[in-house]
N, C-alpha and C. Protein backbone atom coordinates (compact mmCIF):
# COMPACT_ATOMS: atom_id res chain seq x y z
N MET A 1 184.02 283.75 -22.93
CA MET A 1 184.26 282.71 -21.75
C MET A 1 183.45 283.06 -20.46
N GLN A 2 183.37 284.27 -20.59
CA GLN A 2 182.08 284.40 -19.24
C GLN A 2 180.70 282.84 -19.98
N MET A 3 180.08 283.31 -20.72
CA MET A 3 179.33 282.86 -21.76
C MET A 3 179.94 280.91 -22.20
N LYS A 4 180.96 280.81 -22.14
CA LYS A 4 181.22 279.73 -21.91
C LYS A 4 181.22 278.74 -21.14
N HIS A 5 181.67 279.36 -19.48
CA HIS A 5 181.37 279.01 -18.20
C HIS A 5 180.01 278.88 -18.15
N ALA A 6 179.20 279.78 -18.40
CA ALA A 6 177.66 279.90 -18.36
C ALA A 6 176.96 278.43 -19.21
N VAL A 7 177.04 277.87 -19.90
CA VAL A 7 177.23 277.50 -20.80
C VAL A 7 177.81 276.28 -20.26
N PHE A 8 178.30 275.98 -19.72
CA PHE A 8 178.86 274.90 -19.35
C PHE A 8 177.77 274.75 -17.98
N SER A 9 177.68 275.38 -17.02
CA SER A 9 177.60 275.57 -15.36
C SER A 9 175.52 274.66 -16.77
N ALA A 10 175.24 275.16 -17.37
CA ALA A 10 174.32 275.21 -17.47
C ALA A 10 174.05 273.69 -17.81
N PHE A 11 174.88 273.17 -18.76
CA PHE A 11 175.01 271.60 -19.53
C PHE A 11 174.67 270.73 -17.93
N LEU A 12 176.09 270.98 -17.06
CA LEU A 12 176.54 270.40 -15.46
C LEU A 12 174.67 270.29 -14.66
N ILE A 13 173.83 271.22 -14.68
CA ILE A 13 172.55 271.53 -14.17
C ILE A 13 171.83 270.18 -14.56
N LEU A 14 171.70 270.57 -15.78
CA LEU A 14 170.31 270.06 -16.59
C LEU A 14 170.79 268.54 -16.98
N THR A 15 172.24 268.13 -16.52
CA THR A 15 172.44 266.69 -17.08
C THR A 15 172.14 266.19 -14.80
N MET A 16 172.65 266.54 -14.72
CA MET A 16 172.09 266.10 -13.02
C MET A 16 171.20 266.36 -12.87
N HIS A 17 169.48 266.73 -13.54
CA HIS A 17 168.73 267.02 -13.10
C HIS A 17 168.03 266.40 -13.46
N THR A 18 168.56 265.69 -14.85
CA THR A 18 167.02 265.09 -16.02
C THR A 18 166.63 263.96 -15.41
N GLY A 19 165.79 263.50 -15.03
CA GLY A 19 164.67 262.21 -14.66
C GLY A 19 164.98 262.39 -13.49
N LYS A 20 165.03 263.24 -12.28
CA LYS A 20 164.84 263.47 -11.19
C LYS A 20 163.43 263.78 -10.19
N ALA A 21 163.13 265.14 -11.68
CA ALA A 21 161.91 265.57 -10.43
C ALA A 21 161.06 264.82 -10.39
N GLN A 22 160.19 263.32 -10.52
CA GLN A 22 159.61 262.53 -10.26
C GLN A 22 159.46 261.55 -9.20
N GLU A 23 160.76 261.74 -8.34
CA GLU A 23 161.46 260.62 -7.63
C GLU A 23 160.49 260.62 -5.88
N SER A 24 159.69 259.76 -6.30
CA SER A 24 159.36 260.65 -4.56
C SER A 24 159.40 259.05 -3.81
N LEU A 25 158.53 258.95 -3.13
CA LEU A 25 158.70 257.96 -1.73
C LEU A 25 157.23 257.07 -2.10
N SER A 26 155.95 257.76 -2.31
CA SER A 26 155.50 256.80 -2.30
C SER A 26 155.59 255.53 -3.43
N LYS A 27 155.83 254.74 -3.80
CA LYS A 27 156.05 254.15 -4.33
C LYS A 27 157.07 253.45 -4.07
N ASP A 28 157.83 253.31 -3.34
CA ASP A 28 158.65 252.46 -2.77
C ASP A 28 157.97 251.83 -1.04
N VAL A 29 156.66 252.84 -0.50
CA VAL A 29 156.72 252.34 0.44
C VAL A 29 155.41 251.22 0.22
N SER A 30 155.30 250.30 1.44
CA SER A 30 154.15 248.93 1.59
C SER A 30 153.02 248.75 2.54
N TYR A 31 152.78 248.75 2.92
CA TYR A 31 152.16 249.73 3.40
C TYR A 31 151.53 247.81 4.04
N ALA A 32 151.50 247.13 3.04
CA ALA A 32 150.81 245.98 3.52
C ALA A 32 152.26 245.83 4.64
N TYR A 33 152.95 245.55 3.95
CA TYR A 33 154.44 244.73 4.76
C TYR A 33 154.31 245.89 5.81
N LEU A 34 154.42 247.08 6.39
CA LEU A 34 154.62 247.93 7.85
C LEU A 34 154.09 247.05 7.93
N GLU A 35 152.81 246.62 8.26
CA GLU A 35 151.64 245.68 9.18
C GLU A 35 152.11 244.68 9.65
N LYS A 36 152.94 244.20 8.85
CA LYS A 36 153.66 243.14 9.29
C LYS A 36 155.05 243.04 10.02
N LEU A 37 155.63 244.28 9.53
CA LEU A 37 156.87 244.34 10.17
C LEU A 37 155.95 245.12 12.07
N ILE A 38 155.00 245.39 12.01
CA ILE A 38 154.26 246.48 13.29
C ILE A 38 153.51 244.58 13.79
N ALA A 39 153.39 244.11 13.19
CA ALA A 39 153.55 242.72 14.41
C ALA A 39 154.37 241.82 14.81
N VAL A 40 155.31 241.98 13.84
CA VAL A 40 156.95 241.56 14.17
C VAL A 40 157.01 241.82 15.77
N CYS A 41 157.61 243.37 15.52
CA CYS A 41 158.00 243.86 17.32
C CYS A 41 157.46 243.45 17.52
N LYS A 42 155.81 243.75 17.73
CA LYS A 42 154.71 243.26 18.70
C LYS A 42 154.73 242.14 18.66
N ALA A 43 155.59 240.67 18.59
CA ALA A 43 155.57 239.69 19.10
C ALA A 43 157.00 239.10 19.25
N ASN A 44 157.90 240.05 19.39
CA ASN A 44 159.65 239.80 19.52
C ASN A 44 159.11 240.53 20.54
N TYR A 45 159.80 242.73 20.65
CA TYR A 45 160.52 243.28 21.46
C TYR A 45 159.88 243.21 22.65
N PRO A 46 161.32 242.91 23.72
CA PRO A 46 160.54 242.49 24.78
C PRO A 46 160.43 243.29 25.67
N LYS A 47 160.45 244.57 25.55
CA LYS A 47 159.15 245.91 26.43
C LYS A 47 157.28 245.20 26.52
N ILE A 48 157.90 244.23 25.29
CA ILE A 48 156.15 244.29 25.08
C ILE A 48 155.91 243.38 25.48
N LYS A 49 156.60 242.64 25.63
CA LYS A 49 156.62 241.43 27.02
C LYS A 49 155.71 241.40 28.08
N MET A 50 157.07 242.23 28.35
CA MET A 50 156.73 242.76 29.88
C MET A 50 155.32 243.86 30.32
N TYR A 51 154.71 244.67 29.03
CA TYR A 51 153.64 245.04 29.11
C TYR A 51 152.25 244.22 29.62
N GLU A 52 152.61 242.43 28.84
CA GLU A 52 151.68 241.44 28.68
C GLU A 52 151.73 240.97 29.93
N ALA A 53 153.03 241.04 30.26
CA ALA A 53 153.42 239.98 31.50
C ALA A 53 151.67 241.03 32.96
N ARG A 54 152.62 242.61 32.25
CA ARG A 54 151.81 242.61 33.76
C ARG A 54 150.73 242.90 33.86
N VAL A 55 150.00 242.87 32.43
CA VAL A 55 148.35 242.65 32.61
C VAL A 55 148.23 241.42 32.82
N SER A 56 149.43 240.23 32.94
CA SER A 56 149.03 239.07 33.09
C SER A 56 148.03 238.69 34.57
N THR A 57 149.47 238.97 35.03
CA THR A 57 149.82 239.38 36.38
C THR A 57 148.62 240.30 37.83
N ALA A 58 148.30 240.76 36.50
CA ALA A 58 146.27 242.42 37.26
C ALA A 58 145.55 241.29 37.01
N GLU A 59 145.13 239.91 35.78
CA GLU A 59 144.67 239.67 34.97
C GLU A 59 144.50 238.27 36.66
N ASN A 60 145.17 237.54 36.99
CA ASN A 60 145.69 237.14 38.13
C ASN A 60 145.25 237.50 38.67
N GLY A 61 145.43 238.74 39.37
CA GLY A 61 145.63 239.90 40.87
C GLY A 61 143.53 239.43 41.11
N ILE A 62 143.21 238.89 40.04
CA ILE A 62 141.28 239.82 40.29
C ILE A 62 141.72 238.00 40.67
N LYS A 63 141.50 237.28 39.89
CA LYS A 63 140.81 235.58 40.20
C LYS A 63 141.91 235.75 41.80
N ARG A 64 143.06 235.48 42.79
CA ARG A 64 143.21 235.76 43.38
C ARG A 64 141.89 236.47 44.85
N ALA A 65 142.27 237.91 43.86
CA ALA A 65 140.93 238.44 44.67
C ALA A 65 139.52 237.98 45.01
N LYS A 66 138.71 237.40 44.22
CA LYS A 66 138.28 236.52 44.39
C LYS A 66 138.25 235.04 45.21
N LEU A 67 139.38 234.81 44.68
CA LEU A 67 139.31 233.16 45.71
C LEU A 67 139.43 233.29 47.38
N SER A 68 140.12 234.77 47.57
CA SER A 68 140.12 234.94 48.83
C SER A 68 138.73 235.61 49.65
N TYR A 69 137.54 235.59 48.80
CA TYR A 69 136.33 235.11 49.64
C TYR A 69 136.45 233.58 50.39
N PHE A 70 137.43 232.56 50.70
CA PHE A 70 137.04 231.53 50.69
C PHE A 70 137.78 231.90 51.93
N ASP A 71 138.77 233.33 52.73
CA ASP A 71 139.95 232.79 53.83
C ASP A 71 139.42 233.23 54.57
N ILE A 72 137.97 234.06 54.28
CA ILE A 72 136.73 234.63 55.54
C ILE A 72 136.21 233.71 56.29
N PHE A 73 136.04 232.35 55.90
CA PHE A 73 135.94 231.16 56.73
C PHE A 73 136.79 230.49 57.41
N SER A 74 136.52 229.83 58.76
CA SER A 74 137.70 228.89 58.95
C SER A 74 137.31 227.40 59.23
N PHE A 75 137.33 226.45 59.64
CA PHE A 75 136.73 225.21 60.06
C PHE A 75 137.41 224.57 60.97
N SER A 76 137.27 224.27 62.25
CA SER A 76 138.14 223.60 63.14
C SER A 76 137.55 222.72 63.85
N TYR A 77 138.02 221.88 65.10
CA TYR A 77 137.25 220.81 65.74
C TYR A 77 138.60 220.23 66.41
N LEU A 78 137.88 219.79 67.44
CA LEU A 78 138.24 219.68 69.03
C LEU A 78 137.90 218.91 69.63
N TYR A 79 138.75 217.48 69.96
CA TYR A 79 138.02 216.02 69.21
C TYR A 79 139.22 216.48 71.61
N SER A 80 137.84 215.48 71.98
CA SER A 80 137.93 215.50 73.86
C SER A 80 137.61 214.39 74.25
N PRO A 81 137.88 213.43 74.86
CA PRO A 81 137.48 212.06 75.31
C PRO A 81 136.36 211.72 76.05
N ASN A 82 135.84 210.79 75.49
CA ASN A 82 134.10 210.89 76.07
C ASN A 82 134.39 210.83 78.27
N ASN A 83 135.30 210.42 78.53
CA ASN A 83 135.96 210.90 80.36
C ASN A 83 135.64 211.65 80.52
N ASN A 84 136.15 213.02 79.64
CA ASN A 84 136.53 213.92 79.89
C ASN A 84 135.25 214.92 80.14
N THR A 85 134.76 215.24 81.54
CA THR A 85 133.83 216.15 82.64
C THR A 85 133.54 217.35 81.79
N ALA A 86 134.68 218.32 81.48
CA ALA A 86 135.07 219.39 81.24
C ALA A 86 135.11 220.37 79.92
N THR A 87 134.34 218.85 78.92
CA THR A 87 134.60 218.98 77.45
C THR A 87 132.59 218.97 77.34
N ILE A 88 132.36 220.62 76.59
CA ILE A 88 130.95 220.34 75.96
C ILE A 88 130.00 219.16 75.43
N SER A 89 129.04 218.48 75.83
CA SER A 89 128.40 217.43 74.79
C SER A 89 129.95 216.08 74.82
N PRO A 90 130.07 215.61 76.93
CA PRO A 90 130.94 214.79 76.02
C PRO A 90 130.77 213.88 74.49
N ASN A 91 130.02 213.35 74.63
CA ASN A 91 129.44 212.05 73.78
C ASN A 91 128.74 212.32 72.44
N PHE A 92 129.46 213.53 71.71
CA PHE A 92 128.82 214.09 71.14
C PHE A 92 129.92 213.82 69.70
N LEU A 93 129.60 212.86 68.22
CA LEU A 93 129.73 212.37 67.71
C LEU A 93 131.66 211.32 68.16
N GLY A 94 131.41 211.17 69.05
CA GLY A 94 132.49 210.31 70.15
C GLY A 94 133.06 211.14 70.18
N GLY A 95 133.24 212.34 70.92
CA GLY A 95 133.87 213.13 70.66
C GLY A 95 134.57 214.58 70.88
N TYR A 96 134.11 214.71 69.49
CA TYR A 96 134.42 215.41 68.84
C TYR A 96 133.59 217.16 68.22
N GLN A 97 134.58 218.04 68.51
CA GLN A 97 133.77 218.86 68.32
C GLN A 97 135.02 219.85 67.97
N PHE A 98 133.39 220.53 66.56
CA PHE A 98 133.33 221.12 65.01
C PHE A 98 132.65 222.21 65.54
N GLY A 99 133.79 223.15 64.49
CA GLY A 99 133.67 224.67 64.81
C GLY A 99 133.67 225.10 64.01
N PHE A 100 132.54 225.86 63.04
CA PHE A 100 132.48 227.23 60.92
C PHE A 100 132.59 228.18 61.58
N PHE A 101 133.32 228.82 61.39
CA PHE A 101 133.50 230.36 61.95
C PHE A 101 133.89 231.34 60.41
N ALA A 102 133.15 232.62 60.68
CA ALA A 102 133.11 233.26 59.05
C ALA A 102 133.92 235.13 59.76
N ASN A 103 134.65 235.75 58.82
CA ASN A 103 135.52 237.18 59.60
C ASN A 103 134.79 238.27 59.27
N ILE A 104 134.28 238.79 60.01
CA ILE A 104 132.50 239.50 59.27
C ILE A 104 133.98 240.83 58.78
N GLY A 105 134.47 240.86 59.32
CA GLY A 105 135.76 242.27 59.14
C GLY A 105 135.97 242.11 57.63
N SER A 106 136.45 240.85 57.39
CA SER A 106 137.24 240.04 56.26
C SER A 106 135.67 240.65 54.60
N ILE A 107 134.74 239.77 55.56
CA ILE A 107 133.82 240.39 53.93
C ILE A 107 133.43 241.42 53.79
N LEU A 108 133.59 242.55 54.76
CA LEU A 108 133.46 244.05 54.58
C LEU A 108 135.00 244.27 52.99
N GLN A 109 136.25 244.00 53.40
CA GLN A 109 137.03 244.18 52.80
C GLN A 109 136.93 243.44 51.59
N LYS A 110 136.66 242.83 51.31
CA LYS A 110 137.06 241.73 49.68
C LYS A 110 136.49 242.95 49.13
N PRO A 111 135.54 243.15 49.24
CA PRO A 111 134.71 244.43 47.46
C PRO A 111 135.39 244.97 47.15
N SER A 112 136.38 245.91 48.17
CA SER A 112 137.49 246.79 48.34
C SER A 112 138.57 246.34 47.81
N LEU A 113 138.89 245.25 48.42
CA LEU A 113 140.42 244.79 47.23
C LEU A 113 139.54 244.26 45.39
N ILE A 114 138.69 243.58 45.58
CA ILE A 114 138.37 243.04 44.24
C ILE A 114 138.18 244.14 43.33
N LYS A 115 137.74 245.28 44.13
CA LYS A 115 137.58 246.17 43.17
C LYS A 115 139.30 246.75 42.74
N GLN A 116 139.98 246.75 43.39
CA GLN A 116 141.62 247.96 43.44
C GLN A 116 142.35 247.22 42.70
N ALA A 117 141.68 245.39 42.39
CA ALA A 117 142.53 244.50 41.78
C ALA A 117 142.22 245.27 40.90
N LYS A 118 140.84 245.03 40.13
CA LYS A 118 140.26 245.17 38.44
C LYS A 118 140.99 246.73 38.57
N GLY A 119 141.02 247.47 39.41
CA GLY A 119 141.59 248.82 38.76
C GLY A 119 142.91 248.70 38.24
N GLU A 120 143.74 247.80 38.76
CA GLU A 120 145.07 247.90 38.54
C GLU A 120 145.41 246.81 37.31
N LEU A 121 144.73 245.92 37.29
CA LEU A 121 144.06 245.45 36.00
C LEU A 121 144.27 246.57 34.46
N ALA A 122 142.91 247.81 34.39
CA ALA A 122 142.97 248.71 33.48
C ALA A 122 143.95 249.24 33.42
N ALA A 123 145.02 249.78 34.51
CA ALA A 123 146.15 250.88 34.68
C ALA A 123 147.04 250.16 33.68
N ALA A 124 146.75 248.48 33.66
CA ALA A 124 147.91 248.03 33.20
C ALA A 124 147.62 247.39 31.30
N GLN A 125 146.77 247.11 31.46
CA GLN A 125 145.82 247.52 30.47
C GLN A 125 145.90 249.30 29.14
N TYR A 126 145.94 250.04 30.02
CA TYR A 126 145.75 250.62 29.73
C TYR A 126 147.71 251.21 28.90
N ASP A 127 148.56 251.19 30.38
CA ASP A 127 150.11 251.14 29.94
C ASP A 127 150.24 250.77 28.02
N LYS A 128 149.84 249.49 28.67
CA LYS A 128 149.63 248.18 27.56
C LYS A 128 149.41 249.08 25.24
N GLU A 129 147.97 250.17 26.11
CA GLU A 129 147.93 249.97 24.94
C GLU A 129 148.71 251.31 24.89
N SER A 130 149.45 251.69 25.05
CA SER A 130 149.46 253.31 25.65
C SER A 130 151.20 252.69 24.37
N PHE A 131 151.85 251.77 24.89
CA PHE A 131 153.14 251.70 24.77
C PHE A 131 152.44 251.04 23.63
N ASP A 132 152.01 250.18 22.88
CA ASP A 132 151.65 249.71 21.96
C ASP A 132 151.74 251.00 20.48
N LEU A 133 151.00 251.61 20.49
CA LEU A 133 150.69 253.11 20.11
C LEU A 133 152.18 253.30 19.60
N ASN A 134 153.05 253.91 21.34
CA ASN A 134 153.69 254.40 20.42
C ASN A 134 154.77 253.25 19.86
N MET A 135 155.12 252.61 20.24
CA MET A 135 156.06 251.38 19.43
C MET A 135 156.01 251.22 18.20
N GLU A 136 154.24 250.95 17.90
CA GLU A 136 154.09 250.99 16.70
C GLU A 136 153.73 253.06 15.21
N ALA A 137 153.82 253.61 16.71
CA ALA A 137 154.42 254.56 15.88
C ALA A 137 155.87 254.72 15.45
N GLU A 138 156.51 254.26 16.43
CA GLU A 138 158.08 254.27 16.30
C GLU A 138 159.19 253.43 15.00
N VAL A 139 158.00 251.59 14.77
CA VAL A 139 158.38 251.27 13.96
C VAL A 139 157.56 252.17 12.61
N LYS A 140 156.88 252.71 11.95
CA LYS A 140 156.48 253.62 11.40
C LYS A 140 157.49 254.44 11.00
N LYS A 141 157.81 254.70 11.59
CA LYS A 141 158.69 256.13 11.88
C LYS A 141 159.70 255.29 10.58
N ARG A 142 160.72 255.07 11.70
CA ARG A 142 161.82 254.18 11.12
C ARG A 142 162.14 252.90 9.97
N TYR A 143 160.71 252.73 9.65
CA TYR A 143 160.93 252.09 8.31
C TYR A 143 160.69 253.16 7.07
N PHE A 144 159.61 254.26 7.55
CA PHE A 144 159.76 255.12 6.41
C PHE A 144 161.31 255.60 6.17
N THR A 145 162.08 256.03 7.34
CA THR A 145 163.25 256.08 7.34
C THR A 145 163.94 255.68 6.18
N TYR A 146 163.78 254.46 6.87
CA TYR A 146 164.78 253.63 5.78
C TYR A 146 164.62 253.31 4.33
N VAL A 147 163.07 253.77 4.60
CA VAL A 147 162.16 253.35 2.65
C VAL A 147 163.62 255.73 2.24
N GLN A 148 162.68 256.61 2.62
CA GLN A 148 163.76 257.79 2.27
C GLN A 148 165.35 257.17 1.91
N LYS A 149 165.39 255.96 3.06
CA LYS A 149 167.20 255.98 2.89
C LYS A 149 167.44 255.89 1.33
N ILE A 150 166.92 254.59 1.38
CA ILE A 150 167.38 253.90 0.38
C ILE A 150 166.92 254.76 -1.36
N ALA A 151 165.57 255.09 -1.23
CA ALA A 151 165.30 256.34 -2.64
C ALA A 151 166.74 257.85 -2.52
N VAL A 152 167.29 257.35 -1.62
CA VAL A 152 168.64 258.84 -1.95
C VAL A 152 169.51 258.69 -2.39
N MET A 153 170.21 256.87 -1.71
CA MET A 153 170.83 256.34 -2.12
C MET A 153 170.24 256.71 -3.83
N ARG A 154 169.58 255.95 -4.10
CA ARG A 154 168.76 255.49 -5.53
C ARG A 154 168.77 257.03 -6.83
N VAL A 155 169.13 257.86 -5.84
CA VAL A 155 169.13 259.82 -6.23
C VAL A 155 170.38 259.30 -6.82
N ARG A 156 171.61 259.11 -6.00
CA ARG A 156 172.26 259.42 -5.32
C ARG A 156 173.49 258.47 -6.59
N SER A 157 172.97 257.45 -6.61
CA SER A 157 174.53 256.51 -7.62
C SER A 157 173.72 256.53 -9.20
N GLY A 158 171.97 257.68 -9.23
CA GLY A 158 171.81 257.67 -10.73
C GLY A 158 172.34 259.06 -10.90
N ALA A 159 173.01 260.07 -10.68
CA ALA A 159 173.58 260.96 -10.39
C ALA A 159 175.04 261.10 -10.66
N MET A 160 175.55 260.20 -10.02
CA MET A 160 176.67 259.25 -10.50
C MET A 160 176.95 259.22 -11.94
N LEU A 161 175.09 257.85 -12.01
CA LEU A 161 175.77 257.37 -13.72
C LEU A 161 175.63 259.59 -14.75
N ASP A 162 175.33 259.75 -14.05
CA ASP A 162 174.79 261.30 -15.57
C ASP A 162 176.46 262.02 -14.90
N VAL A 163 177.06 261.97 -13.84
CA VAL A 163 178.17 262.55 -14.16
C VAL A 163 179.73 261.44 -14.45
N GLU A 164 179.42 259.96 -14.79
CA GLU A 164 179.98 259.73 -15.31
C GLU A 164 180.32 260.07 -16.78
N SER A 165 178.71 260.26 -17.30
CA SER A 165 178.62 260.21 -18.41
C SER A 165 178.88 261.39 -19.25
N MET A 166 178.39 262.43 -18.36
CA MET A 166 178.64 263.51 -18.91
C MET A 166 180.43 263.66 -18.21
N ALA A 167 181.03 263.70 -17.97
CA ALA A 167 182.22 263.17 -17.96
C ALA A 167 183.24 262.56 -18.78
N SER A 168 182.42 262.02 -19.41
CA SER A 168 182.82 260.94 -20.28
C SER A 168 182.85 262.36 -21.22
N THR A 169 181.71 262.90 -21.65
CA THR A 169 181.04 263.34 -22.78
C THR A 169 182.50 264.40 -22.50
N ILE A 170 182.64 264.76 -21.83
CA ILE A 170 183.42 266.31 -21.22
C ILE A 170 185.42 266.34 -21.97
N ARG A 171 185.85 265.16 -20.90
CA ARG A 171 187.18 264.35 -21.44
C ARG A 171 187.06 264.43 -23.35
N HIS A 172 186.25 263.91 -24.16
CA HIS A 172 186.40 263.37 -25.08
C HIS A 172 186.87 265.13 -26.10
N ARG A 173 185.40 266.56 -25.30
CA ARG A 173 186.20 267.24 -25.91
C ARG A 173 187.11 267.73 -25.57
N PHE A 174 187.22 268.56 -24.25
CA PHE A 174 188.91 268.88 -24.07
C PHE A 174 189.82 267.76 -24.33
N GLU A 175 190.06 266.60 -24.70
CA GLU A 175 191.06 266.02 -25.32
C GLU A 175 191.42 266.74 -27.13
N ARG A 176 189.53 266.83 -27.55
CA ARG A 176 189.48 267.39 -29.17
C ARG A 176 190.12 269.12 -28.94
N GLY A 177 190.43 269.57 -27.53
CA GLY A 177 190.89 270.42 -26.73
C GLY A 177 189.24 271.68 -27.03
N GLU A 178 187.85 270.64 -27.15
CA GLU A 178 187.13 271.93 -27.63
C GLU A 178 186.96 271.86 -25.79
N GLU A 179 186.80 272.27 -24.78
CA GLU A 179 187.03 271.98 -23.22
C GLU A 179 188.55 272.15 -22.79
N SER A 180 187.75 273.51 -21.68
CA SER A 180 188.79 273.63 -20.67
C SER A 180 189.57 272.41 -19.88
N LEU A 181 190.74 272.81 -18.99
CA LEU A 181 191.01 272.14 -18.61
C LEU A 181 190.87 272.17 -17.04
N GLU A 182 190.48 273.39 -16.55
CA GLU A 182 189.97 273.81 -15.29
C GLU A 182 188.50 273.30 -15.71
N ASN A 183 186.80 273.46 -16.57
CA ASN A 183 185.85 272.31 -16.57
C ASN A 183 186.07 271.37 -16.27
N TYR A 184 187.51 270.35 -17.56
CA TYR A 184 187.87 269.13 -16.82
C TYR A 184 187.69 268.38 -15.41
N ASN A 185 188.66 270.05 -14.52
CA ASN A 185 188.64 269.60 -13.54
C ASN A 185 187.66 269.68 -13.09
N LYS A 186 186.57 270.67 -12.56
CA LYS A 186 185.53 270.68 -12.60
C LYS A 186 184.60 269.44 -12.65
N VAL A 187 184.00 268.38 -13.74
CA VAL A 187 183.99 266.80 -13.62
C VAL A 187 184.54 266.23 -12.24
N LEU A 188 186.36 265.66 -12.43
CA LEU A 188 186.92 265.26 -12.02
C LEU A 188 186.34 265.59 -10.32
N ILE A 189 186.42 266.31 -10.01
CA ILE A 189 185.59 266.97 -8.78
C ILE A 189 184.23 266.15 -8.73
N MET A 190 183.51 266.52 -9.16
CA MET A 190 181.48 265.91 -9.36
C MET A 190 182.01 264.91 -8.86
N ILE A 191 182.86 264.15 -9.06
CA ILE A 191 182.65 262.78 -9.47
C ILE A 191 183.68 261.84 -7.97
N ALA A 192 184.63 262.57 -7.79
CA ALA A 192 185.11 262.48 -5.75
C ALA A 192 184.02 262.64 -5.33
N ASP A 193 182.97 264.34 -4.66
CA ASP A 193 181.89 264.41 -4.59
C ASP A 193 180.67 263.82 -4.56
N HIS A 194 179.96 262.77 -5.57
CA HIS A 194 179.24 262.19 -6.14
C HIS A 194 179.79 261.15 -5.23
N ALA A 195 180.70 259.97 -5.87
CA ALA A 195 181.20 259.33 -5.00
C ALA A 195 180.82 258.70 -3.26
N GLN A 196 181.08 259.82 -2.81
CA GLN A 196 181.64 260.45 -1.38
C GLN A 196 180.12 260.08 -0.96
N ASN A 197 179.49 260.91 -1.18
CA ASN A 197 178.24 261.30 -1.35
C ASN A 197 177.11 259.47 -1.24
N ILE A 198 177.11 259.06 -2.62
CA ILE A 198 177.25 257.77 -2.63
C ILE A 198 177.11 256.89 -0.63
N LEU A 199 178.53 257.10 -0.94
CA LEU A 199 179.31 255.70 0.42
C LEU A 199 178.63 256.37 2.02
N ASN A 200 177.87 258.42 1.81
CA ASN A 200 177.31 258.23 2.97
C ASN A 200 176.00 258.15 2.80
N ALA A 201 175.50 257.81 1.68
CA ALA A 201 173.85 256.93 1.45
C ALA A 201 174.37 255.53 2.25
N GLU A 202 174.42 255.21 1.33
CA GLU A 202 174.90 253.66 1.99
C GLU A 202 174.53 253.37 3.02
N SER A 203 176.15 254.17 3.73
CA SER A 203 175.76 254.27 5.37
C SER A 203 174.41 254.44 5.93
N ASP A 204 174.22 255.73 5.05
CA ASP A 204 172.97 255.62 5.86
C ASP A 204 171.56 255.21 5.85
N VAL A 205 171.31 253.92 4.99
CA VAL A 205 170.76 252.93 5.06
C VAL A 205 171.03 252.20 5.57
N LEU A 206 171.93 251.40 5.66
CA LEU A 206 172.03 250.90 6.84
C LEU A 206 171.75 250.55 8.74
N VAL A 207 173.15 252.08 8.77
CA VAL A 207 172.16 252.32 9.91
C VAL A 207 170.58 252.78 10.19
N ALA A 208 169.88 253.06 8.85
CA ALA A 208 168.52 253.03 8.89
C ALA A 208 167.90 251.42 9.33
N LYS A 209 167.80 251.31 8.53
CA LYS A 209 167.96 249.09 8.17
C LYS A 209 168.41 248.62 10.25
N SER A 210 169.29 249.14 10.34
CA SER A 210 169.50 248.71 11.81
C SER A 210 168.98 249.74 12.56
N ASN A 211 168.56 250.73 12.75
CA ASN A 211 167.80 251.11 13.88
C ASN A 211 166.05 250.43 13.53
N LEU A 212 165.73 249.68 12.59
CA LEU A 212 164.30 249.14 12.23
C LEU A 212 165.06 248.13 13.13
N GLU A 213 166.03 247.12 12.37
CA GLU A 213 166.01 245.84 13.25
C GLU A 213 165.50 245.84 14.47
N GLU A 214 166.40 247.35 14.86
CA GLU A 214 166.67 247.14 16.87
C GLU A 214 164.93 246.30 17.12
N LEU A 215 163.82 247.14 16.35
CA LEU A 215 162.20 247.36 16.98
C LEU A 215 162.03 245.63 16.05
N LEU A 216 162.62 244.92 15.95
CA LEU A 216 161.86 243.90 15.27
C LEU A 216 161.93 242.28 15.82
N GLY A 217 163.65 241.88 16.17
CA GLY A 217 163.98 241.01 16.48
C GLY A 217 164.80 240.56 15.71
N GLN A 218 164.30 240.99 13.92
CA GLN A 218 165.26 239.54 13.42
C GLN A 218 165.00 240.81 11.98
N LYS A 219 165.70 240.11 10.90
CA LYS A 219 166.63 241.18 10.07
C LYS A 219 165.64 241.15 9.12
N LEU A 220 165.70 242.08 8.72
CA LEU A 220 164.43 242.86 7.58
C LEU A 220 163.98 241.40 6.45
N GLU A 221 165.58 240.98 5.91
CA GLU A 221 165.66 239.58 4.50
C GLU A 221 164.60 238.13 5.32
N ASP A 222 164.40 238.58 6.63
CA ASP A 222 163.61 237.16 7.19
C ASP A 222 162.31 237.30 7.71
N ILE A 223 162.12 238.99 6.77
CA ILE A 223 160.27 238.91 7.60
C ILE A 223 159.27 239.13 5.00
N LYS A 224 159.18 238.66 4.62
CA LYS A 224 158.84 238.67 4.04
C LYS A 224 157.35 238.72 3.52
């Protein structure tokens, strides 16, 4: 009896593992498609747009700082009637007096303000580059996880086919009195376990797909 159970167990193991040793993720990974996913993420993900807006704002800050050089100069004029004896040069341009002024203090401040604006732009660019790298790594991570979950589901589906084939063989042997009811029940339990494993695997695929699409802002089916 023990020998019979040992043979049955060996038969189960051999059936379940035949053809599965060569399962690998490498054949499922498409790096060209992954690059497309990264590009879609960079184009759609809201937080990436936020960092881009910060860089744009910092660039505009430099332009404003440079244009503010004109703020240090001021122009004014004063009109005085020609008969106003208190006015200097009352006959100059028919009673108009003009003045052109420069704020020396502002002149000295402008270079430091421009340097500060450039520093803010560099910081914004570094922040964006760092976030882009993090997002690229996260897209890769979620893509590889998605591919892994699909592979697991494929393996479990294949195992289910093996178990069903084995169950058919055991059932025929049981009907002929060549197999025990205990072993036949074991196969039925295995079928139920594998069915549950397939449901779990399908759920894992859907969750992994949803997690990846969260970064993309699009359905995977829409990205060719």
